[in-house]
Amino acid sequence: MSIEQLNLAFKAGIQKAATKFVLVALADYANEAGEAYPTIETITAKTSLNRKTIISALKELSLLGLITDTGMVRGKTGQVKVWKLQLKPSNERVPKTGHLDKAKKQPMKESQKRNSTENGTVPFFPPNDPENGTVKESQKRDTEPSVLLTTIEPPVKEKAPAKKFMPPTESEIEALAYEQNLNLDGYFDYYESNGWMVGKNKMKNWQAAARNWHKRQKQFNRGNSKTARRPGELNYQREVPGERLS
């Protein structure tokens, strides 16, 4: 976790709360180089946002130039995108009241300067005057520890009981295909039509089945028509009486 990236994420000028929450989650997993590659499931557990909202937020952050796709992949499956955070201090938003406060203080400072010149006295600046830099430094000391307290301690989660297999929706399949760059054309229709069966057994892990579908799709596309099979097709051979199967 990079404290610098996390502080910049909190200060980024983003209007949508969900989008900013996703940016903070990415910064929480970023290294010193600003690279982060949490899965959609990890961000969901971190933020309690649904998959569609997270994917939409990633697209918006990319359009805003706050994150970029490095083109690299990581993770156990080697298919999780690596995002590069493009957060800089210039992205901080200036409060609208800042200019008004400065304008209000300016006449008083000019008056003090004129009085000190005429009377020959040294002008007095209060110790909390922002010009001396003390207010900003004090605010920085006050706010930085609070960031550490709210982000370093991970939430304690109880193990949930094993869930019964639930067929995925088309939107969940589309989200997995987007996240892991998979070709899942026809995947939903095929397994929806056969009751989500793999051979003679009920499917247990639809994400793993989707990755296998993607692999078979690639084999089918580059193989010849005699040997290649479409994803989902099983290689059954019919035994003819009097012949031995090779």
C-alpha atoms as a PDB file:
ATOM      1  CA  MET A   1       0.000   0.000   0.000  1.00  0.00           C
ATOM      2  CA  SER A   2       1.296   3.451  -0.953  1.00  0.00           C
ATOM      3  CA  ILE A   3       0.384   6.145   1.596  1.00  0.00           C
ATOM      4  CA  GLU A   4       1.225   8.837  -0.965  1.00  0.00           C
ATOM      5  CA  GLN A   5      -1.149   7.376  -3.585  1.00  0.00           C
ATOM      6  CA  LEU A   6      -3.842   6.928  -0.932  1.00  0.00           C
ATOM      7  CA  ASN A   7      -3.608  10.562   0.200  1.00  0.00           C
ATOM      8  CA  LEU A   8      -3.790  11.781  -3.411  1.00  0.00           C
ATOM      9  CA  ALA A   9      -6.816   9.551  -4.068  1.00  0.00           C
ATOM     10  CA  PHE A  10      -8.667  11.076  -1.108  1.00  0.00           C
ATOM     11  CA  LYS A  11      -7.913  14.562  -2.451  1.00  0.00           C
ATOM     12  CA  ALA A  12      -8.847  13.817  -6.080  1.00  0.00           C
ATOM     13  CA  GLY A  13     -11.618  16.055  -7.406  1.00  0.00           C
ATOM     14  CA  ILE A  14     -14.261  13.439  -8.286  1.00  0.00           C
ATOM     15  CA  GLN A  15     -17.968  14.194  -7.912  1.00  0.00           C
ATOM     16  CA  LYS A  16     -19.372  10.642  -7.930  1.00  0.00           C
ATOM     17  CA  ALA A  17     -18.887   8.966  -4.563  1.00  0.00           C
ATOM     18  CA  ALA A  18     -18.783   5.434  -6.020  1.00  0.00           C
ATOM     19  CA  THR A  19     -16.122   6.393  -8.571  1.00  0.00           C
ATOM     20  CA  LYS A  20     -13.963   7.999  -5.889  1.00  0.00           C
ATOM     21  CA  PHE A  21     -14.441   4.980  -3.623  1.00  0.00           C
ATOM     22  CA  VAL A  22     -13.107   2.682  -6.369  1.00  0.00           C
ATOM     23  CA  LEU A  23     -10.113   5.013  -6.867  1.00  0.00           C
ATOM     24  CA  VAL A  24      -9.362   4.898  -3.125  1.00  0.00           C
ATOM     25  CA  ALA A  25      -9.606   1.083  -3.207  1.00  0.00           C
ATOM     26  CA  LEU A  26      -7.115   0.952  -6.109  1.00  0.00           C
ATOM     27  CA  ALA A  27      -4.756   3.288  -4.242  1.00  0.00           C
ATOM     28  CA  ASP A  28      -5.014   1.058  -1.176  1.00  0.00           C
ATOM     29  CA  TYR A  29      -3.577  -1.824  -3.241  1.00  0.00           C
ATOM     30  CA  ALA A  30      -1.077   0.292  -5.220  1.00  0.00           C
ATOM     31  CA  ASN A  31       2.674  -0.186  -4.863  1.00  0.00           C
ATOM     32  CA  GLU A  32       5.240   2.629  -4.725  1.00  0.00           C
ATOM     33  CA  ALA A  33       5.202   2.800  -8.538  1.00  0.00           C
ATOM     34  CA  GLY A  34       1.452   3.453  -8.476  1.00  0.00           C
ATOM     35  CA  GLU A  35       0.522   0.063  -9.981  1.00  0.00           C
ATOM     36  CA  ALA A  36      -2.481  -1.871  -8.668  1.00  0.00           C
ATOM     37  CA  TYR A  37      -4.171  -5.055  -9.838  1.00  0.00           C
ATOM     38  CA  PRO A  38      -6.988  -6.088  -7.474  1.00  0.00           C
ATOM     39  CA  THR A  39      -9.718  -8.258  -8.976  1.00  0.00           C
ATOM     40  CA  ILE A  40     -13.303  -7.078  -9.312  1.00  0.00           C
ATOM     41  CA  GLU A  41     -14.227  -9.462  -6.480  1.00  0.00           C
ATOM     42  CA  THR A  42     -11.562  -7.873  -4.254  1.00  0.00           C
ATOM     43  CA  ILE A  43     -12.852  -4.351  -4.928  1.00  0.00           C
ATOM     44  CA  THR A  44     -16.414  -5.567  -4.299  1.00  0.00           C
ATOM     45  CA  ALA A  45     -15.394  -6.938  -0.899  1.00  0.00           C
ATOM     46  CA  LYS A  46     -13.537  -3.704  -0.115  1.00  0.00           C
ATOM     47  CA  THR A  47     -16.268  -1.264  -1.144  1.00  0.00           C
ATOM     48  CA  SER A  48     -19.530  -3.306  -1.061  1.00  0.00           C
ATOM     49  CA  LEU A  49     -20.256  -1.980  -4.570  1.00  0.00           C
ATOM     50  CA  ASN A  50     -21.674  -4.295  -7.236  1.00  0.00           C
ATOM     51  CA  ARG A  51     -19.696  -5.449 -10.268  1.00  0.00           C
ATOM     52  CA  LYS A  52     -21.472  -3.182 -12.770  1.00  0.00           C
ATOM     53  CA  THR A  53     -20.805  -0.082 -10.667  1.00  0.00           C
ATOM     54  CA  ILE A  54     -17.123  -0.979 -10.275  1.00  0.00           C
ATOM     55  CA  ILE A  55     -16.608  -1.612 -13.994  1.00  0.00           C
ATOM     56  CA  SER A  56     -18.389   1.663 -14.814  1.00  0.00           C
ATOM     57  CA  ALA A  57     -16.189   3.497 -12.289  1.00  0.00           C
ATOM     58  CA  LEU A  58     -13.005   2.019 -13.801  1.00  0.00           C
ATOM     59  CA  LYS A  59     -14.072   3.219 -17.254  1.00  0.00           C
ATOM     60  CA  GLU A  60     -14.824   6.705 -15.908  1.00  0.00           C
ATOM     61  CA  LEU A  61     -11.477   6.913 -14.072  1.00  0.00           C
ATOM     62  CA  SER A  62      -9.727   5.863 -17.273  1.00  0.00           C
ATOM     63  CA  LEU A  63     -11.544   8.567 -19.272  1.00  0.00           C
ATOM     64  CA  LEU A  64     -10.610  11.156 -16.631  1.00  0.00           C
ATOM     65  CA  GLY A  65      -6.964  10.167 -16.998  1.00  0.00           C
ATOM     66  CA  LEU A  66      -6.653   9.202 -13.330  1.00  0.00           C
ATOM     67  CA  ILE A  67      -5.787   5.578 -14.197  1.00  0.00           C
ATOM     68  CA  THR A  68      -4.389   3.882 -17.303  1.00  0.00           C
ATOM     69  CA  ASP A  69      -4.348   0.267 -18.456  1.00  0.00           C
ATOM     70  CA  THR A  70      -0.684  -0.827 -18.585  1.00  0.00           C
ATOM     71  CA  GLY A  71      -1.475  -3.754 -20.865  1.00  0.00           C
ATOM     72  CA  MET A  72       0.059  -6.136 -18.320  1.00  0.00           C
ATOM     73  CA  VAL A  73      -1.777  -8.892 -16.442  1.00  0.00           C
ATOM     74  CA  ARG A  74      -1.199 -10.466 -13.030  1.00  0.00           C
ATOM     75  CA  GLY A  75      -2.937 -12.728 -10.548  1.00  0.00           C
ATOM     76  CA  LYS A  76      -3.211 -16.486 -10.149  1.00  0.00           C
ATOM     77  CA  THR A  77      -4.924 -16.821 -13.508  1.00  0.00           C
ATOM     78  CA  GLY A  78      -2.569 -14.357 -15.198  1.00  0.00           C
ATOM     79  CA  GLN A  79      -5.559 -12.437 -16.544  1.00  0.00           C
ATOM     80  CA  VAL A  80      -6.107  -9.582 -14.032  1.00  0.00           C
ATOM     81  CA  LYS A  81      -5.464  -6.118 -15.492  1.00  0.00           C
ATOM     82  CA  VAL A  82      -2.688  -3.969 -14.029  1.00  0.00           C
ATOM     83  CA  TRP A  83      -3.802  -0.352 -13.574  1.00  0.00           C
ATOM     84  CA  LYS A  84      -1.367   2.586 -13.316  1.00  0.00           C
ATOM     85  CA  LEU A  85      -2.563   5.411 -11.065  1.00  0.00           C
ATOM     86  CA  GLN A  86      -1.904   8.856 -12.551  1.00  0.00           C
ATOM     87  CA  LEU A  87      -2.473  10.866  -9.375  1.00  0.00           C
ATOM     88  CA  LYS A  88      -0.563  14.110  -8.908  1.00  0.00           C
ATOM     89  CA  PRO A  89      -0.880  17.010  -6.458  1.00  0.00           C
ATOM     90  CA  SER A  90      -2.195  19.151  -9.343  1.00  0.00           C
ATOM     91  CA  ASN A  91      -5.376  17.059  -9.302  1.00  0.00           C
ATOM     92  CA  GLU A  92      -6.397  18.542  -5.957  1.00  0.00           C
ATOM     93  CA  ARG A  93      -9.465  20.736  -6.175  1.00  0.00           C
ATOM     94  CA  VAL A  94      -9.217  24.288  -4.800  1.00  0.00           C
ATOM     95  CA  PRO A  95     -12.183  25.180  -2.537  1.00  0.00           C
ATOM     96  CA  LYS A  96     -14.427  27.819  -4.028  1.00  0.00           C
ATOM     97  CA  THR A  97     -14.148  29.910  -0.835  1.00  0.00           C
ATOM     98  CA  GLY A  98     -10.360  30.118  -1.103  1.00  0.00           C
ATOM     99  CA  HIS A  99     -10.365  33.121  -3.443  1.00  0.00           C
ATOM    100  CA  LEU A 100     -12.928  34.983  -1.301  1.00  0.00           C
ATOM    101  CA  ASP A 101     -10.943  34.424   1.880  1.00  0.00           C
ATOM    102  CA  LYS A 102      -7.790  35.664   0.206  1.00  0.00           C
ATOM    103  CA  ALA A 103      -9.602  38.754  -1.091  1.00  0.00           C
ATOM    104  CA  LYS A 104     -10.971  39.518   2.380  1.00  0.00           C
ATOM    105  CA  LYS A 105      -7.557  39.253   4.015  1.00  0.00           C
ATOM    106  CA  GLN A 106      -5.722  41.313   1.406  1.00  0.00           C
ATOM    107  CA  PRO A 107      -7.055  44.802   2.446  1.00  0.00           C
ATOM    108  CA  MET A 108      -6.136  44.170   6.087  1.00  0.00           C
ATOM    109  CA  LYS A 109      -2.560  43.179   5.140  1.00  0.00           C
ATOM    110  CA  GLU A 110      -2.161  46.237   2.926  1.00  0.00           C
ATOM    111  CA  SER A 111      -3.491  48.434   5.754  1.00  0.00           C
ATOM    112  CA  GLN A 112      -1.022  46.864   8.184  1.00  0.00           C
ATOM    113  CA  LYS A 113       1.788  47.441   5.716  1.00  0.00           C
ATOM    114  CA  ARG A 114       0.877  51.140   5.297  1.00  0.00           C
ATOM    115  CA  ASN A 115       0.561  51.678   9.052  1.00  0.00           C
ATOM    116  CA  SER A 116       3.862  49.966   9.768  1.00  0.00           C
ATOM    117  CA  THR A 117       5.646  52.042   7.122  1.00  0.00           C
ATOM    118  CA  GLU A 118       4.222  55.295   8.391  1.00  0.00           C
ATOM    119  CA  ASN A 119       4.782  54.567  12.075  1.00  0.00           C
ATOM    120  CA  GLY A 120       8.123  52.867  11.594  1.00  0.00           C
ATOM    121  CA  THR A 121       6.982  49.697  13.384  1.00  0.00           C
ATOM    122  CA  VAL A 122       7.407  46.071  12.349  1.00  0.00           C
ATOM    123  CA  PRO A 123       4.067  44.524  11.258  1.00  0.00           C
ATOM    124  CA  PHE A 124       2.764  41.719  13.438  1.00  0.00           C
ATOM    125  CA  PHE A 125       1.511  38.524  11.842  1.00  0.00           C
ATOM    126  CA  PRO A 126      -0.491  36.106  14.013  1.00  0.00           C
ATOM    127  CA  PRO A 127       1.170  32.709  14.512  1.00  0.00           C
ATOM    128  CA  ASN A 128      -1.772  30.999  12.757  1.00  0.00           C
ATOM    129  CA  ASP A 129      -1.553  33.214   9.634  1.00  0.00           C
ATOM    130  CA  PRO A 130      -1.642  30.949   6.524  1.00  0.00           C
ATOM    131  CA  GLU A 131       1.195  33.047   5.046  1.00  0.00           C
ATOM    132  CA  ASN A 132       3.533  31.583   7.661  1.00  0.00           C
ATOM    133  CA  GLY A 133       2.576  28.079   6.610  1.00  0.00           C
ATOM    134  CA  THR A 134       1.569  26.971  10.091  1.00  0.00           C
ATOM    135  CA  VAL A 135      -2.112  26.304   9.375  1.00  0.00           C
ATOM    136  CA  LYS A 136      -1.382  24.065   6.410  1.00  0.00           C
ATOM    137  CA  GLU A 137       1.301  22.142   8.306  1.00  0.00           C
ATOM    138  CA  SER A 138      -1.009  21.746  11.292  1.00  0.00           C
ATOM    139  CA  GLN A 139      -3.841  20.495   9.080  1.00  0.00           C
ATOM    140  CA  LYS A 140      -1.470  18.071   7.399  1.00  0.00           C
ATOM    141  CA  ARG A 141      -0.369  16.671  10.765  1.00  0.00           C
ATOM    142  CA  ASP A 142      -3.991  16.403  11.904  1.00  0.00           C
ATOM    143  CA  THR A 143      -5.332  14.699   8.791  1.00  0.00           C
ATOM    144  CA  GLU A 144      -2.564  12.271   7.810  1.00  0.00           C
ATOM    145  CA  PRO A 145      -2.809  10.045  10.929  1.00  0.00           C
ATOM    146  CA  SER A 146      -6.572   9.743  10.422  1.00  0.00           C
ATOM    147  CA  VAL A 147      -5.969   8.329   6.929  1.00  0.00           C
ATOM    148  CA  LEU A 148      -3.668   5.685   8.381  1.00  0.00           C
ATOM    149  CA  LEU A 149      -6.177   4.726  11.058  1.00  0.00           C
ATOM    150  CA  THR A 150      -9.031   4.254   8.580  1.00  0.00           C
ATOM    151  CA  THR A 151      -7.153   2.308   5.915  1.00  0.00           C
ATOM    152  CA  ILE A 152      -4.466   0.125   7.486  1.00  0.00           C
ATOM    153  CA  GLU A 153      -6.779  -1.987   9.622  1.00  0.00           C
ATOM    154  CA  PRO A 154      -8.617  -4.495   7.369  1.00  0.00           C
ATOM    155  CA  PRO A 155     -12.192  -5.381   8.286  1.00  0.00           C
ATOM    156  CA  VAL A 156     -12.655  -8.638  10.156  1.00  0.00           C
ATOM    157  CA  LYS A 157     -14.866 -11.003   8.194  1.00  0.00           C
ATOM    158  CA  GLU A 158     -16.472 -14.221   9.294  1.00  0.00           C
ATOM    159  CA  LYS A 159     -16.286 -17.200   6.999  1.00  0.00           C
ATOM    160  CA  ALA A 160     -19.559 -17.682   5.199  1.00  0.00           C
ATOM    161  CA  PRO A 161     -20.975 -21.197   4.787  1.00  0.00           C
ATOM    162  CA  ALA A 162     -20.523 -22.902   1.442  1.00  0.00           C
ATOM    163  CA  LYS A 163     -23.121 -21.697  -1.028  1.00  0.00           C
ATOM    164  CA  LYS A 164     -25.125 -23.825  -3.408  1.00  0.00           C
ATOM    165  CA  PHE A 165     -24.242 -23.326  -7.074  1.00  0.00           C
ATOM    166  CA  MET A 166     -26.237 -20.527  -8.651  1.00  0.00           C
ATOM    167  CA  PRO A 167     -26.134 -20.051 -12.445  1.00  0.00           C
ATOM    168  CA  PRO A 168     -24.618 -16.689 -13.436  1.00  0.00           C
ATOM    169  CA  THR A 169     -26.518 -13.960 -15.225  1.00  0.00           C
ATOM    170  CA  GLU A 170     -25.521 -12.644 -18.627  1.00  0.00           C
ATOM    171  CA  SER A 171     -24.268  -9.418 -17.028  1.00  0.00           C
ATOM    172  CA  GLU A 172     -21.993 -11.379 -14.673  1.00  0.00           C
ATOM    173  CA  ILE A 173     -20.556 -13.290 -17.615  1.00  0.00           C
ATOM    174  CA  GLU A 174     -19.989 -10.035 -19.518  1.00  0.00           C
ATOM    175  CA  ALA A 175     -18.207  -8.572 -16.486  1.00  0.00           C
ATOM    176  CA  LEU A 176     -15.912 -11.617 -16.213  1.00  0.00           C
ATOM    177  CA  ALA A 177     -15.153 -11.450 -19.934  1.00  0.00           C
ATOM    178  CA  TYR A 178     -14.268  -7.751 -19.635  1.00  0.00           C
ATOM    179  CA  GLU A 179     -12.115  -8.211 -16.541  1.00  0.00           C
ATOM    180  CA  GLN A 180     -10.106 -11.210 -17.791  1.00  0.00           C
ATOM    181  CA  ASN A 181     -10.225 -10.537 -21.559  1.00  0.00           C
ATOM    182  CA  LEU A 182     -12.116 -13.755 -22.325  1.00  0.00           C
ATOM    183  CA  ASN A 183     -14.019 -14.736 -25.469  1.00  0.00           C
ATOM    184  CA  LEU A 184     -17.268 -16.136 -24.054  1.00  0.00           C
ATOM    185  CA  ASP A 185     -19.461 -15.938 -27.160  1.00  0.00           C
ATOM    186  CA  GLY A 186     -22.228 -18.536 -26.877  1.00  0.00           C
ATOM    187  CA  TYR A 187     -21.230 -19.570 -23.346  1.00  0.00           C
ATOM    188  CA  PHE A 188     -24.450 -18.491 -21.624  1.00  0.00           C
ATOM    189  CA  ASP A 189     -26.816 -19.904 -24.267  1.00  0.00           C
ATOM    190  CA  TYR A 190     -25.032 -23.276 -24.359  1.00  0.00           C
ATOM    191  CA  TYR A 191     -25.068 -23.976 -20.640  1.00  0.00           C
ATOM    192  CA  GLU A 192     -28.465 -22.370 -20.078  1.00  0.00           C
ATOM    193  CA  SER A 193     -29.925 -24.797 -22.605  1.00  0.00           C
ATOM    194  CA  ASN A 194     -28.411 -27.922 -20.995  1.00  0.00           C
ATOM    195  CA  GLY A 195     -29.219 -26.964 -17.403  1.00  0.00           C
ATOM    196  CA  TRP A 196     -25.644 -25.953 -16.549  1.00  0.00           C
ATOM    197  CA  MET A 197     -24.338 -29.492 -16.800  1.00  0.00           C
ATOM    198  CA  VAL A 198     -20.698 -30.393 -17.483  1.00  0.00           C
ATOM    199  CA  GLY A 199     -20.884 -33.838 -18.986  1.00  0.00           C
ATOM    200  CA  LYS A 200     -23.178 -35.769 -16.636  1.00  0.00           C
ATOM    201  CA  ASN A 201     -22.440 -33.647 -13.582  1.00  0.00           C
ATOM    202  CA  LYS A 202     -23.843 -30.358 -12.351  1.00  0.00           C
ATOM    203  CA  MET A 203     -21.493 -27.406 -12.824  1.00  0.00           C
ATOM    204  CA  LYS A 204     -19.676 -26.335  -9.636  1.00  0.00           C
ATOM    205  CA  ASN A 205     -17.619 -23.300 -10.717  1.00  0.00           C
ATOM    206  CA  TRP A 206     -18.921 -21.266 -13.651  1.00  0.00           C
ATOM    207  CA  GLN A 207     -15.846 -18.956 -13.682  1.00  0.00           C
ATOM    208  CA  ALA A 208     -13.492 -21.920 -14.178  1.00  0.00           C
ATOM    209  CA  ALA A 209     -15.825 -23.322 -16.838  1.00  0.00           C
ATOM    210  CA  ALA A 210     -15.759 -19.936 -18.582  1.00  0.00           C
ATOM    211  CA  ARG A 211     -11.954 -19.934 -18.719  1.00  0.00           C
ATOM    212  CA  ASN A 212     -12.011 -23.456 -20.186  1.00  0.00           C
ATOM    213  CA  TRP A 213     -14.570 -22.255 -22.738  1.00  0.00           C
ATOM    214  CA  HIS A 214     -12.205 -19.447 -23.722  1.00  0.00           C
ATOM    215  CA  LYS A 215      -9.310 -21.911 -24.159  1.00  0.00           C
ATOM    216  CA  ARG A 216     -11.403 -24.259 -26.319  1.00  0.00           C
ATOM    217  CA  GLN A 217     -12.599 -21.265 -28.340  1.00  0.00           C
ATOM    218  CA  LYS A 218      -8.992 -20.342 -29.116  1.00  0.00           C
ATOM    219  CA  GLN A 219      -8.183 -23.951 -30.057  1.00  0.00           C
ATOM    220  CA  PHE A 220     -11.203 -24.084 -32.345  1.00  0.00           C
ATOM    221  CA  ASN A 221     -10.291 -20.821 -34.070  1.00  0.00           C
ATOM    222  CA  ARG A 222      -6.736 -21.856 -34.870  1.00  0.00           C
ATOM    223  CA  GLY A 223      -7.373 -25.569 -35.431  1.00  0.00           C
ATOM    224  CA  ASN A 224      -8.527 -27.215 -38.653  1.00  0.00           C
ATOM    225  CA  SER A 225     -12.116 -28.283 -39.155  1.00  0.00           C
ATOM    226  CA  LYS A 226     -11.257 -32.000 -38.984  1.00  0.00           C
ATOM    227  CA  THR A 227      -9.805 -32.027 -35.477  1.00  0.00           C
ATOM    228  CA  ALA A 228     -11.136 -28.934 -33.750  1.00  0.00           C
ATOM    229  CA  ARG A 229     -14.377 -28.948 -31.798  1.00  0.00           C
ATOM    230  CA  ARG A 230     -16.524 -26.035 -30.786  1.00  0.00           C
ATOM    231  CA  PRO A 231     -16.573 -25.138 -27.064  1.00  0.00           C
ATOM    232  CA  GLY A 232     -18.958 -27.347 -25.125  1.00  0.00           C
ATOM    233  CA  GLU A 233     -18.838 -30.261 -27.611  1.00  0.00           C
ATOM    234  CA  LEU A 234     -17.655 -33.563 -26.106  1.00  0.00           C
ATOM    235  CA  ASN A 235     -15.423 -35.977 -27.986  1.00  0.00           C
ATOM    236  CA  TYR A 236     -17.597 -39.084 -28.110  1.00  0.00           C
ATOM    237  CA  GLN A 237     -16.773 -41.916 -30.544  1.00  0.00           C
ATOM    238  CA  ARG A 238     -19.422 -44.362 -31.652  1.00  0.00           C
ATOM    239  CA  GLU A 239     -18.281 -47.979 -31.641  1.00  0.00           C
ATOM    240  CA  VAL A 240     -19.153 -49.886 -34.797  1.00  0.00           C
ATOM    241  CA  PRO A 241     -19.639 -53.665 -34.407  1.00  0.00           C
ATOM    242  CA  GLY A 242     -16.578 -55.540 -35.619  1.00  0.00           C
ATOM    243  CA  GLU A 243     -14.307 -52.489 -35.458  1.00  0.00           C
ATOM    244  CA  ARG A 244     -11.844 -51.457 -32.781  1.00  0.00           C
ATOM    245  CA  LEU A 245     -11.685 -47.833 -31.796  1.00  0.00           C
ATOM    246  CA  SER A 246      -8.209 -46.368 -32.076  1.00  0.00           C
END
